[in-house]
Amino acid sequence: MRARSIGAAAATALALVAARDLVQKKHALLRNFPVIGHARYLLETIGPELRQYVVTSNEEERPFSRDQRTWIYASAKEENNYFGFGTDVDVEHVQGHAYVKQRTFAGTLPDLHDPQAPLPSAKVLGGPRGRAKAFRPASVVNISAMSFGSLSGAAVTALNKGAALAGAMQNTGEGGLSPYHRNGGDLILQIGTSYFGCRNEDGTFSLDKLKEVVAGAPVKAIEIKLSQGAKPGLGGMLPGAKVTAEIAGIRGIPAGKDCASPSRHTAFHDVDSMLDFVELIAAETGLPVGIKSAVGEMSFWQELATLMARGDRGVDFVTIDGGEGGTGAAPLIFTDSVSLPFRMGFSRVYSTFAEQGLTDDLTFIGSGKLGLPENAAVAFALGVDMINVAREAMLSIGCIQAQKCHTDKCPTGIATQNPWLTRGVDAPSKATRAAVYLRTLRKELLKVSGAVGVAHPALITTTDIEIMNGDYDARTLASVYGYKDGWGELGPELAEEITALLTTGPAPLRKPVD
């Protein structure tokens, strides 16, 4: 009797769905194929998951392949992150694949048995320009700019605690410095075009509020965001579904409404006034100050290098974001087709400063899928001094690449403000995973540096790595990106200093250049 009732109820429900499908006018598929047409939308919804686990090969999927995700997950969980039986890559035919050339002999190399895998920057951030609070970053791998609002409070907490455990830094992102950033990790404070956390009521920049923020938090440097690789020239967008009352309070914006950041700054309008802005902030806070940007037209960089060559003004660091970088939300045309990929964009910027002889006088930071050992090694060879990781750090705390960041329906609670979903993120345990991932990536970089015969990844050169250029042919990075002799390499003093620091113990900080 009960089964008959259940069957009748199910039949009635199906009949109602069929009737609704037949009279609605929004979906032609459902009008023509009532009830069964819903299977198409169900399959479309779970399509990314089906492709991840059933359809694609280990090296095929994007943005991160199954092998790449597996390596990150295993590394974060302190599981076996080795792979057996050999490579899945068609090594002789994959266009653009990088190959590191190991050396038979090497000098003194660092001890790889330290579980913390210490790997400091080869350069003192802010040292060449004599900033009062110049320092040597303890980790060349740090957490990239991801705002609270784009990420949940639990995710930001986990990443900050993880950074603290790993001796790394976390970039706040342009959404302001939230309570979740105050869990022990050192910070890079990012200033975006909306000046969240350091703005007047009309949205303009407030130096006094910036100084208040810096004074009350472990801020080690300040980054002025000009653009982002995944949406350059567009500005930021936080969907209204994510703008909770808490986020609105931190940012000073209306709750529940889309939060669109302007595409350009109002505190300066050209390179000359930008350098005045940089020097003002550095003088008032004592902190190193740099810029973050994607790479498009090169006149900006050429003018910046020319003005810095005079020696009276300059940025302390440059963060280059590749067009393949991630974002919480952006139009497809921007993620796919605006701004140069990291290697091409960074090499052009580095070359511009190299022509002026400035590469030892500022720190180069790279971002855009650099949280994988191969990509990171190439970046260091091209001249990067540090790397920032974002989506890789998210993967380390449980992201499954569902690609629902823009919907506020992230199933793992990382890129959402939905309380039911964010409860899934246990910050203490996820912090440990983030820390282990950061340490593991540093250790992998030390391993590959040792294979090349050098003590630090910044000592890998553009002739130590070759890029596949069609079947059975390869070219060095120097050849591919037009580097001259010595480009991408540290000056002799810096190279000697970082080698001594890693192989014999602490070395004195490099003195600022007068």
Protein backbone atom coordinates (compact mmCIF):
# COMPACT_ATOMS: atom_id res chain seq x y z
CA MET A 1 0.00 0.00 0.00
CA ARG A 2 2.81 2.33 0.96
CA ALA A 3 4.70 1.55 -2.25
CA ARG A 4 1.58 2.30 -4.26
CA SER A 5 1.25 5.69 -2.53
CA ILE A 6 4.86 6.54 -3.20
CA GLY A 7 4.47 5.56 -6.83
CA ALA A 8 1.36 7.69 -7.19
CA ALA A 9 3.11 10.66 -5.62
CA ALA A 10 6.09 10.25 -7.94
CA ALA A 11 3.82 9.98 -10.99
CA THR A 12 1.96 13.10 -9.94
CA ALA A 13 5.23 15.00 -9.48
CA LEU A 14 6.46 13.95 -12.90
CA ALA A 15 3.14 14.95 -14.45
CA LEU A 16 3.40 18.40 -12.86
CA VAL A 17 6.97 18.82 -14.11
CA ALA A 18 5.92 17.71 -17.58
CA ALA A 19 3.01 20.15 -17.60
CA ARG A 20 5.23 23.00 -16.49
CA ASP A 21 7.86 22.12 -19.13
CA LEU A 22 5.23 22.09 -21.89
CA VAL A 23 3.83 25.55 -21.10
CA GLN A 24 7.04 27.41 -20.18
CA LYS A 25 8.72 29.40 -22.96
CA LYS A 26 12.22 29.92 -21.62
CA HIS A 27 13.77 26.60 -22.71
CA ALA A 28 12.95 25.15 -26.12
CA LEU A 29 14.57 21.84 -25.15
CA LEU A 30 12.16 21.34 -22.26
CA ARG A 31 9.10 22.27 -24.35
CA ASN A 32 10.08 19.60 -26.89
CA PHE A 33 11.35 17.00 -24.42
CA PRO A 34 9.54 17.49 -21.11
CA VAL A 35 11.04 15.86 -18.01
CA ILE A 36 13.87 14.02 -19.76
CA GLY A 37 15.27 17.32 -21.05
CA HIS A 38 16.32 18.14 -17.48
CA ALA A 39 19.02 15.47 -17.77
CA ARG A 40 20.89 17.75 -20.14
CA TYR A 41 21.04 20.57 -17.58
CA LEU A 42 22.07 18.14 -14.84
CA LEU A 43 24.93 16.82 -16.95
CA GLU A 44 25.96 20.38 -17.83
CA THR A 45 26.04 21.26 -14.13
CA ILE A 46 28.29 18.37 -13.17
CA GLY A 47 30.28 18.46 -16.42
CA PRO A 48 33.48 19.88 -14.86
CA GLU A 49 33.46 17.15 -12.23
CA LEU A 50 32.85 14.43 -14.84
CA ARG A 51 35.72 15.71 -16.97
CA GLN A 52 38.01 15.90 -13.94
CA TYR A 53 37.51 12.36 -12.76
CA VAL A 54 36.31 10.37 -15.77
CA VAL A 55 37.09 11.87 -19.17
CA THR A 56 40.39 13.76 -19.31
CA SER A 57 43.92 12.36 -19.16
CA ASN A 58 46.39 13.11 -16.37
CA GLU A 59 47.99 15.96 -18.32
CA GLU A 60 45.04 17.30 -20.29
CA GLU A 61 42.80 19.32 -18.00
CA ARG A 62 43.05 23.07 -17.38
CA PRO A 63 43.70 25.28 -15.49
CA PHE A 64 45.47 22.57 -13.47
CA SER A 65 45.88 19.03 -14.76
CA ARG A 66 45.09 15.96 -12.70
CA ASP A 67 48.81 15.29 -12.16
CA GLN A 68 49.38 18.85 -10.97
CA ARG A 69 46.45 18.72 -8.56
CA THR A 70 47.52 15.32 -7.32
CA TRP A 71 51.01 16.63 -6.59
CA ILE A 72 49.63 19.60 -4.65
CA TYR A 73 47.13 17.50 -2.68
CA ALA A 74 49.71 14.86 -1.78
CA SER A 75 52.29 17.49 -0.85
CA ALA A 76 49.85 19.35 1.40
CA LYS A 77 48.81 16.15 3.17
CA GLU A 78 52.41 14.94 3.62
CA GLU A 79 51.59 11.90 1.54
CA ASN A 80 53.79 10.29 -1.11
CA ASN A 81 53.99 12.91 -3.88
CA TYR A 82 56.22 10.82 -6.13
CA PHE A 83 54.95 9.33 -9.42
CA GLY A 84 55.69 5.84 -10.65
CA PHE A 85 56.46 4.16 -13.97
CA GLY A 86 57.55 7.29 -15.84
CA THR A 87 56.23 10.49 -17.34
CA ASP A 88 52.81 11.00 -18.96
CA VAL A 89 54.32 13.76 -21.13
CA ASP A 90 55.13 13.02 -24.75
CA VAL A 91 58.62 14.35 -24.08
CA GLU A 92 59.85 14.75 -27.65
CA HIS A 93 56.76 16.37 -29.10
CA VAL A 94 55.08 18.65 -26.53
CA GLN A 95 55.59 22.19 -27.80
CA GLY A 96 56.73 24.64 -25.11
CA HIS A 97 57.60 22.05 -22.46
CA ALA A 98 60.57 23.04 -20.28
CA TYR A 99 63.52 20.74 -19.57
CA VAL A 100 66.08 21.41 -16.85
CA LYS A 101 69.68 20.47 -17.67
CA GLN A 102 71.31 18.82 -14.68
CA ARG A 103 75.03 19.16 -14.00
CA THR A 104 77.36 16.29 -13.26
CA PHE A 105 79.33 18.15 -10.59
CA ALA A 106 78.34 20.82 -8.09
CA GLY A 107 79.80 22.94 -5.33
CA THR A 108 78.53 23.01 -1.75
CA LEU A 109 74.74 22.65 -1.62
CA PRO A 110 72.21 23.28 1.19
CA ASP A 111 71.08 20.55 3.57
CA LEU A 112 67.79 19.14 2.28
CA HIS A 113 66.93 17.38 5.53
CA ASP A 114 65.65 20.46 7.35
CA PRO A 115 61.86 19.92 7.54
CA GLN A 116 61.26 23.67 7.39
CA ALA A 117 63.11 23.82 4.02
CA PRO A 118 64.36 27.39 4.60
CA LEU A 119 64.74 29.29 1.36
CA PRO A 120 65.15 33.05 1.83
CA SER A 121 65.18 35.66 -0.90
CA ALA A 122 68.52 36.46 -2.47
CA LYS A 123 67.70 40.17 -2.18
CA VAL A 124 66.88 42.47 0.72
CA LEU A 125 63.47 43.96 0.01
CA GLY A 126 63.80 47.74 0.20
CA GLY A 127 67.53 47.56 0.89
CA PRO A 128 68.84 49.23 -2.29
CA ARG A 129 66.63 52.29 -1.71
CA GLY A 130 67.44 52.44 2.00
CA ARG A 131 63.91 51.93 3.34
CA ALA A 132 63.81 52.14 7.12
CA LYS A 133 62.10 48.73 7.43
CA ALA A 134 63.97 46.90 4.69
CA PHE A 135 64.20 43.15 5.29
CA ARG A 136 65.21 39.88 3.68
CA PRO A 137 62.05 37.78 3.09
CA ALA A 138 62.47 34.43 4.82
CA SER A 139 60.64 32.55 2.05
CA VAL A 140 60.82 32.89 -1.73
CA VAL A 141 57.36 31.28 -1.88
CA ASN A 142 54.52 33.38 -0.48
CA ILE A 143 50.72 33.51 -0.70
CA SER A 144 49.40 35.75 -3.44
CA ALA A 145 46.76 38.47 -3.27
CA MET A 146 43.32 37.01 -2.49
CA SER A 147 40.88 39.29 -0.70
CA PHE A 148 38.56 38.44 2.13
CA GLY A 149 35.27 38.59 0.29
CA SER A 150 36.58 36.71 -2.68
CA LEU A 151 37.65 34.04 -0.16
CA SER A 152 35.78 33.08 2.97
CA GLY A 153 36.98 34.16 6.40
CA ALA A 154 37.82 30.54 7.23
CA ALA A 155 39.96 30.21 4.09
CA VAL A 156 41.82 33.46 4.76
CA THR A 157 42.41 32.34 8.35
CA ALA A 158 43.77 28.99 7.21
CA LEU A 159 46.11 30.61 4.70
CA ASN A 160 47.36 33.19 7.18
CA LYS A 161 48.04 30.58 9.85
CA GLY A 162 49.68 28.41 7.22
CA ALA A 163 51.94 31.27 6.16
CA ALA A 164 52.95 31.78 9.78
CA LEU A 165 53.78 28.08 10.23
CA ALA A 166 55.85 28.06 7.03
CA GLY A 167 57.63 31.37 7.71
CA ALA A 168 56.05 32.88 4.62
CA MET A 169 54.00 36.02 3.92
CA GLN A 170 50.40 36.51 2.82
CA ASN A 171 49.21 39.27 0.49
CA THR A 172 45.92 40.75 1.72
CA GLY A 173 44.51 41.41 -1.73
CA GLU A 174 42.81 44.72 -2.48
CA GLY A 175 39.79 44.00 -0.24
CA GLY A 176 41.40 45.45 2.86
CA LEU A 177 43.01 44.01 5.96
CA SER A 178 40.41 41.89 7.73
CA PRO A 179 40.44 40.25 11.19
CA TYR A 180 41.11 36.94 9.41
CA HIS A 181 44.49 38.27 8.27
CA ARG A 182 45.56 38.67 11.90
CA ASN A 183 46.41 35.09 12.78
CA GLY A 184 50.17 35.30 13.04
CA GLY A 185 51.29 35.52 9.43
CA ASP A 186 53.29 38.46 8.10
CA LEU A 187 51.46 40.52 5.51
CA ILE A 188 51.94 42.38 2.26
CA LEU A 189 49.22 45.03 2.26
CA GLN A 190 47.77 45.55 -1.20
CA ILE A 191 46.29 48.90 -2.18
CA GLY A 192 43.85 48.69 -5.08
CA THR A 193 42.00 51.32 -7.03
CA SER A 194 39.17 51.53 -4.45
CA TYR A 195 41.63 52.01 -1.55
CA PHE A 196 39.66 49.68 0.73
CA GLY A 197 40.74 50.15 4.33
CA CYS A 198 42.58 53.38 3.58
CA ARG A 199 39.96 55.53 1.87
CA ASN A 200 37.97 58.64 2.55
CA GLU A 201 34.17 58.65 2.41
CA ASP A 202 34.28 59.70 -1.24
CA GLY A 203 36.51 56.75 -2.14
CA THR A 204 39.76 58.70 -2.47
CA PHE A 205 43.03 57.63 -0.84
CA SER A 206 43.68 58.48 2.81
CA LEU A 207 47.30 58.43 3.98
CA ASP A 208 46.30 58.77 7.63
CA LYS A 209 44.07 55.69 7.47
CA LEU A 210 46.82 53.75 5.71
CA LYS A 211 49.23 54.59 8.52
CA GLU A 212 46.66 53.44 11.07
CA VAL A 213 46.26 50.09 9.33
CA VAL A 214 50.01 49.58 9.04
CA ALA A 215 50.61 50.48 12.67
CA GLY A 216 48.10 47.91 13.91
CA ALA A 217 49.11 44.84 11.89
CA PRO A 218 52.25 42.84 10.92
CA VAL A 219 52.58 44.55 7.53
CA LYS A 220 56.03 44.04 6.03
CA ALA A 221 55.55 45.80 2.68
CA ILE A 222 52.94 47.60 0.60
CA GLU A 223 51.92 46.64 -2.92
CA ILE A 224 50.09 49.05 -5.20
CA LYS A 225 47.93 47.03 -7.56
CA LEU A 226 47.79 48.51 -11.06
CA SER A 227 46.22 45.49 -12.75
CA GLN A 228 45.72 41.74 -12.46
CA GLY A 229 46.61 39.09 -15.01
CA ALA A 230 43.14 37.58 -15.31
CA LYS A 231 41.36 40.92 -15.80
CA PRO A 232 43.81 43.74 -16.62
CA GLY A 233 42.38 47.16 -17.31
CA LEU A 234 39.02 46.05 -15.94
CA GLY A 235 39.13 46.57 -12.20
CA GLY A 236 37.83 44.12 -9.64
CA MET A 237 34.32 42.73 -9.22
CA LEU A 238 32.91 41.18 -6.07
CA PRO A 239 29.41 39.82 -6.81
CA GLY A 240 26.68 41.19 -4.54
CA ALA A 241 25.96 37.70 -3.25
CA LYS A 242 29.35 37.79 -1.55
CA VAL A 243 29.06 41.32 -0.10
CA THR A 244 27.96 40.46 3.42
CA ALA A 245 27.46 43.02 6.16
CA GLU A 246 30.88 42.12 7.52
CA ILE A 247 32.62 42.67 4.17
CA ALA A 248 30.69 45.87 3.63
CA GLY A 249 31.90 47.14 7.01
CA ILE A 250 35.53 46.34 6.25
CA ARG A 251 35.41 47.92 2.79
CA GLY A 252 33.00 50.77 3.49
CA ILE A 253 30.51 49.78 0.80
CA PRO A 254 26.77 48.85 0.66
CA ALA A 255 25.93 45.28 1.63
CA GLY A 256 24.37 42.93 -0.93
CA LYS A 257 25.39 44.93 -3.99
CA ASP A 258 28.04 44.21 -6.61
CA CYS A 259 31.31 45.85 -5.64
CA ALA A 260 33.14 47.09 -8.73
CA SER A 261 36.60 48.59 -8.29
CA PRO A 262 37.66 51.23 -10.83
CA SER A 263 40.08 50.16 -13.53
CA ARG A 264 42.50 53.04 -12.81
CA HIS A 265 43.88 54.83 -9.75
CA THR A 266 42.82 58.34 -8.76
CA ALA A 267 45.77 59.05 -6.45
CA PHE A 268 48.12 59.32 -9.46
CA HIS A 269 47.70 59.60 -13.21
CA ASP A 270 51.05 58.78 -14.84
CA VAL A 271 54.42 57.16 -14.10
CA ASP A 272 55.92 60.35 -12.68
CA SER A 273 53.09 60.96 -10.21
CA MET A 274 53.01 57.24 -9.37
CA LEU A 275 56.64 57.41 -8.26
CA ASP A 276 55.82 60.43 -6.11
CA PHE A 277 53.01 58.38 -4.55
CA VAL A 278 55.38 55.45 -3.92
CA GLU A 279 58.00 57.65 -2.27
CA LEU A 280 55.36 59.36 -0.11
CA ILE A 281 54.07 56.05 1.24
CA ALA A 282 57.59 54.70 1.78
CA ALA A 283 58.66 57.86 3.64
CA GLU A 284 55.57 57.91 5.86
CA THR A 285 55.56 54.19 6.73
CA GLY A 286 59.21 53.19 6.36
CA LEU A 287 58.07 50.10 4.46
CA PRO A 288 59.23 48.81 1.09
CA VAL A 289 56.68 49.77 -1.58
CA GLY A 290 56.15 48.07 -4.92
CA ILE A 291 53.65 47.66 -7.73
CA LYS A 292 51.72 44.73 -9.18
CA SER A 293 50.71 44.61 -12.82
CA ALA A 294 49.89 42.44 -15.77
CA VAL A 295 51.88 43.18 -18.92
CA GLY A 296 50.39 44.75 -22.01
CA GLU A 297 51.89 47.74 -23.81
CA MET A 298 55.51 48.38 -22.85
CA SER A 299 55.76 52.18 -22.81
CA PHE A 300 54.77 52.23 -19.12
CA TRP A 301 57.67 49.97 -18.19
CA GLN A 302 60.14 51.79 -20.40
CA GLU A 303 59.26 55.12 -18.80
CA LEU A 304 59.39 53.61 -15.31
CA ALA A 305 62.87 52.15 -15.89
CA THR A 306 64.11 55.42 -17.39
CA LEU A 307 62.90 57.46 -14.43
CA MET A 308 64.28 54.95 -11.92
CA ALA A 309 67.68 55.06 -13.60
CA ARG A 310 68.06 58.61 -12.29
CA GLY A 311 68.30 57.14 -8.78
CA ASP A 312 66.15 59.60 -6.83
CA ARG A 313 62.84 57.68 -6.94
CA GLY A 314 61.81 54.11 -7.53
CA VAL A 315 59.75 51.11 -6.55
CA ASP A 316 61.29 48.49 -4.28
CA PHE A 317 59.67 45.54 -6.02
CA VAL A 318 57.68 44.67 -9.11
CA THR A 319 55.10 41.88 -9.10
CA ILE A 320 54.35 40.60 -12.58
CA ASP A 321 51.10 38.67 -12.99
CA GLY A 322 50.65 36.45 -16.01
CA GLY A 323 47.53 36.38 -18.13
CA GLU A 324 47.03 32.74 -17.10
CA GLY A 325 46.55 33.85 -13.48
CA GLY A 326 43.34 33.22 -11.59
CA THR A 327 40.47 35.41 -10.45
CA GLY A 328 37.22 35.12 -8.56
CA ALA A 329 35.17 36.61 -11.41
CA ALA A 330 35.96 38.11 -14.82
CA PRO A 331 34.57 38.22 -18.37
CA LEU A 332 35.83 35.35 -20.52
CA ILE A 333 37.45 37.69 -23.05
CA PHE A 334 39.70 39.05 -20.29
CA THR A 335 40.70 35.70 -18.81
CA ASP A 336 41.42 34.27 -22.25
CA SER A 337 42.73 37.13 -24.37
CA VAL A 338 43.88 40.23 -22.47
CA SER A 339 47.49 40.63 -21.18
CA LEU A 340 50.53 38.51 -21.93
CA PRO A 341 51.24 35.08 -20.42
CA PHE A 342 53.71 35.17 -17.54
CA ARG A 343 56.90 34.08 -19.26
CA MET A 344 56.49 36.41 -22.20
CA GLY A 345 55.33 39.36 -20.10
CA PHE A 346 57.92 38.97 -17.38
CA SER A 347 60.82 38.55 -19.79
CA ARG A 348 59.89 41.81 -21.54
CA VAL A 349 59.68 43.72 -18.25
CA TYR A 350 62.90 42.22 -16.90
CA SER A 351 64.70 43.07 -20.16
CA THR A 352 63.55 46.68 -19.88
CA PHE A 353 65.12 47.05 -16.44
CA ALA A 354 68.20 45.04 -17.48
CA GLU A 355 68.89 47.52 -20.29
CA GLN A 356 69.10 50.21 -17.59
CA GLY A 357 71.31 48.09 -15.30
CA LEU A 358 68.70 48.08 -12.52
CA THR A 359 67.96 44.40 -11.97
CA ASP A 360 70.01 44.06 -8.76
CA ASP A 361 68.33 47.14 -7.29
CA LEU A 362 64.77 45.87 -7.08
CA THR A 363 63.06 42.60 -6.26
CA PHE A 364 61.12 40.80 -8.99
CA ILE A 365 58.09 38.78 -7.89
CA GLY A 366 56.18 36.49 -10.24
CA SER A 367 52.64 35.10 -10.15
CA GLY A 368 50.43 33.09 -12.49
CA LYS A 369 50.55 29.27 -12.05
CA LEU A 370 54.04 29.41 -10.53
CA GLY A 371 53.16 27.20 -7.57
CA LEU A 372 54.36 24.15 -9.52
CA PRO A 373 58.09 23.29 -9.42
CA GLU A 374 58.63 23.30 -13.19
CA ASN A 375 56.97 26.68 -13.73
CA ALA A 376 58.71 28.14 -10.69
CA ALA A 377 62.14 26.96 -11.88
CA VAL A 378 61.61 28.63 -15.26
CA ALA A 379 60.52 31.85 -13.53
CA PHE A 380 63.64 31.93 -11.36
CA ALA A 381 65.84 31.32 -14.39
CA LEU A 382 64.21 34.30 -16.13
CA GLY A 383 65.09 36.55 -13.19
CA VAL A 384 62.32 36.21 -10.62
CA ASP A 385 63.45 36.55 -7.00
CA MET A 386 60.23 35.36 -5.33
CA ILE A 387 56.95 33.78 -6.39
CA ASN A 388 53.38 34.22 -5.18
CA VAL A 389 50.94 31.31 -5.19
CA ALA A 390 47.15 31.68 -5.15
CA ARG A 391 45.10 28.86 -6.68
CA GLU A 392 47.76 26.34 -5.69
CA ALA A 393 47.42 27.53 -2.09
CA MET A 394 43.63 27.17 -2.42
CA LEU A 395 44.08 23.62 -3.70
CA SER A 396 46.29 22.86 -0.70
CA ILE A 397 43.43 23.70 1.68
CA GLY A 398 40.79 21.73 -0.19
CA CYS A 399 39.78 23.50 -3.43
CA ILE A 400 38.65 20.94 -6.04
CA GLN A 401 38.78 23.24 -9.09
CA ALA A 402 34.98 23.30 -9.33
CA GLN A 403 35.27 26.71 -11.05
CA LYS A 404 32.27 28.14 -9.20
CA CYS A 405 34.15 31.03 -7.57
CA HIS A 406 31.91 33.62 -9.26
CA THR A 407 28.65 32.03 -8.08
CA ASP A 408 29.12 32.08 -4.28
CA LYS A 409 28.49 28.33 -4.40
CA CYS A 410 32.02 27.00 -3.91
CA PRO A 411 31.37 23.43 -2.69
CA THR A 412 34.44 23.39 -0.45
CA GLY A 413 33.66 26.68 1.34
CA ILE A 414 36.82 28.44 0.18
CA ALA A 415 35.53 30.98 -2.37
CA THR A 416 32.12 31.73 -0.88
CA GLN A 417 30.43 33.63 1.94
CA ASN A 418 27.68 31.03 2.39
CA PRO A 419 27.82 30.02 6.11
CA TRP A 420 26.69 26.46 5.41
CA LEU A 421 29.50 25.96 2.90
CA THR A 422 32.25 27.82 4.79
CA ARG A 423 31.68 25.61 7.84
CA GLY A 424 33.42 22.87 5.88
CA VAL A 425 36.77 24.67 6.16
CA ASP A 426 38.47 23.66 9.41
CA ALA A 427 41.06 26.44 9.65
CA PRO A 428 43.57 24.75 12.01
CA SER A 429 43.93 21.56 9.98
CA LYS A 430 43.85 23.40 6.65
CA ALA A 431 46.54 25.79 7.94
CA THR A 432 48.83 22.83 8.48
CA ARG A 433 48.20 21.66 4.93
CA ALA A 434 48.95 25.10 3.50
CA ALA A 435 52.20 25.26 5.48
CA VAL A 436 53.28 21.79 4.38
CA TYR A 437 52.57 22.67 0.75
CA LEU A 438 54.66 25.87 0.97
CA ARG A 439 57.54 24.01 2.60
CA THR A 440 57.32 21.17 0.08
CA LEU A 441 57.47 23.57 -2.86
CA ARG A 442 60.56 25.21 -1.34
CA LYS A 443 62.16 21.79 -0.90
CA GLU A 444 61.38 20.86 -4.51
CA LEU A 445 63.03 24.08 -5.66
CA LEU A 446 66.10 23.28 -3.58
CA LYS A 447 66.19 19.81 -5.14
CA VAL A 448 66.02 21.10 -8.71
CA SER A 449 68.60 23.80 -7.90
CA GLY A 450 70.87 21.09 -6.56
CA ALA A 451 70.38 19.08 -9.75
CA VAL A 452 71.57 22.11 -11.70
CA GLY A 453 74.51 22.39 -9.28
CA VAL A 454 73.61 25.65 -7.53
CA ALA A 455 72.53 26.45 -3.99
CA HIS A 456 69.48 28.62 -4.70
CA PRO A 457 66.85 28.71 -7.50
CA ALA A 458 67.75 32.35 -8.22
CA LEU A 459 71.14 31.03 -9.39
CA ILE A 460 69.56 28.93 -12.16
CA THR A 461 70.34 30.64 -15.46
CA THR A 462 68.56 30.96 -18.79
CA THR A 463 71.01 28.47 -20.33
CA ASP A 464 70.16 25.82 -17.71
CA ILE A 465 66.65 25.30 -19.10
CA GLU A 466 65.55 24.53 -22.64
CA ILE A 467 62.09 24.81 -24.19
CA MET A 468 60.82 22.31 -26.75
CA ASN A 469 60.42 24.02 -30.11
CA GLY A 470 58.71 21.48 -32.31
CA ASP A 471 59.70 17.84 -32.86
CA TYR A 472 63.22 16.98 -31.72
CA ASP A 473 64.36 20.59 -31.32
CA ALA A 474 64.82 22.76 -28.24
CA ARG A 475 66.09 26.25 -27.48
CA THR A 476 67.45 27.76 -24.29
CA LEU A 477 65.37 30.30 -22.38
CA ALA A 478 67.93 32.93 -23.37
CA SER A 479 67.32 32.18 -27.04
CA VAL A 480 63.53 31.99 -26.73
CA TYR A 481 63.15 35.28 -24.86
CA GLY A 482 66.06 37.24 -26.33
CA TYR A 483 68.13 37.54 -23.16
CA LYS A 484 71.64 38.94 -23.41
CA ASP A 485 74.61 37.48 -21.51
CA GLY A 486 74.10 37.80 -17.76
CA TRP A 487 70.41 38.66 -17.92
CA GLY A 488 68.30 36.72 -15.48
CA GLU A 489 71.31 36.24 -13.20
CA LEU A 490 72.16 37.81 -9.85
CA GLY A 491 75.12 40.14 -9.60
CA PRO A 492 78.30 38.51 -8.20
CA GLU A 493 77.88 40.07 -4.76
CA LEU A 494 74.29 38.89 -4.40
CA ALA A 495 75.12 35.42 -5.73
CA GLU A 496 77.99 34.99 -3.28
CA GLU A 497 75.88 36.28 -0.40
CA ILE A 498 72.92 33.95 -0.91
CA THR A 499 75.17 30.94 -1.50
CA ALA A 500 76.97 31.62 1.77
CA LEU A 501 73.66 32.14 3.58
CA LEU A 502 72.32 28.74 2.50
CA THR A 503 75.50 26.70 2.86
CA THR A 504 77.38 28.18 5.83
CA GLY A 505 74.75 29.99 7.90
CA PRO A 506 73.49 33.57 8.22
CA ALA A 507 75.32 36.23 6.22
CA PRO A 508 75.19 39.97 6.82
CA LEU A 509 72.49 41.93 5.04
CA ARG A 510 73.53 43.74 1.92
CA LYS A 511 74.04 47.43 2.68
CA PRO A 512 71.71 49.90 0.93
CA VAL A 513 73.17 51.72 -2.04
CA ASP A 514 73.66 55.43 -1.36
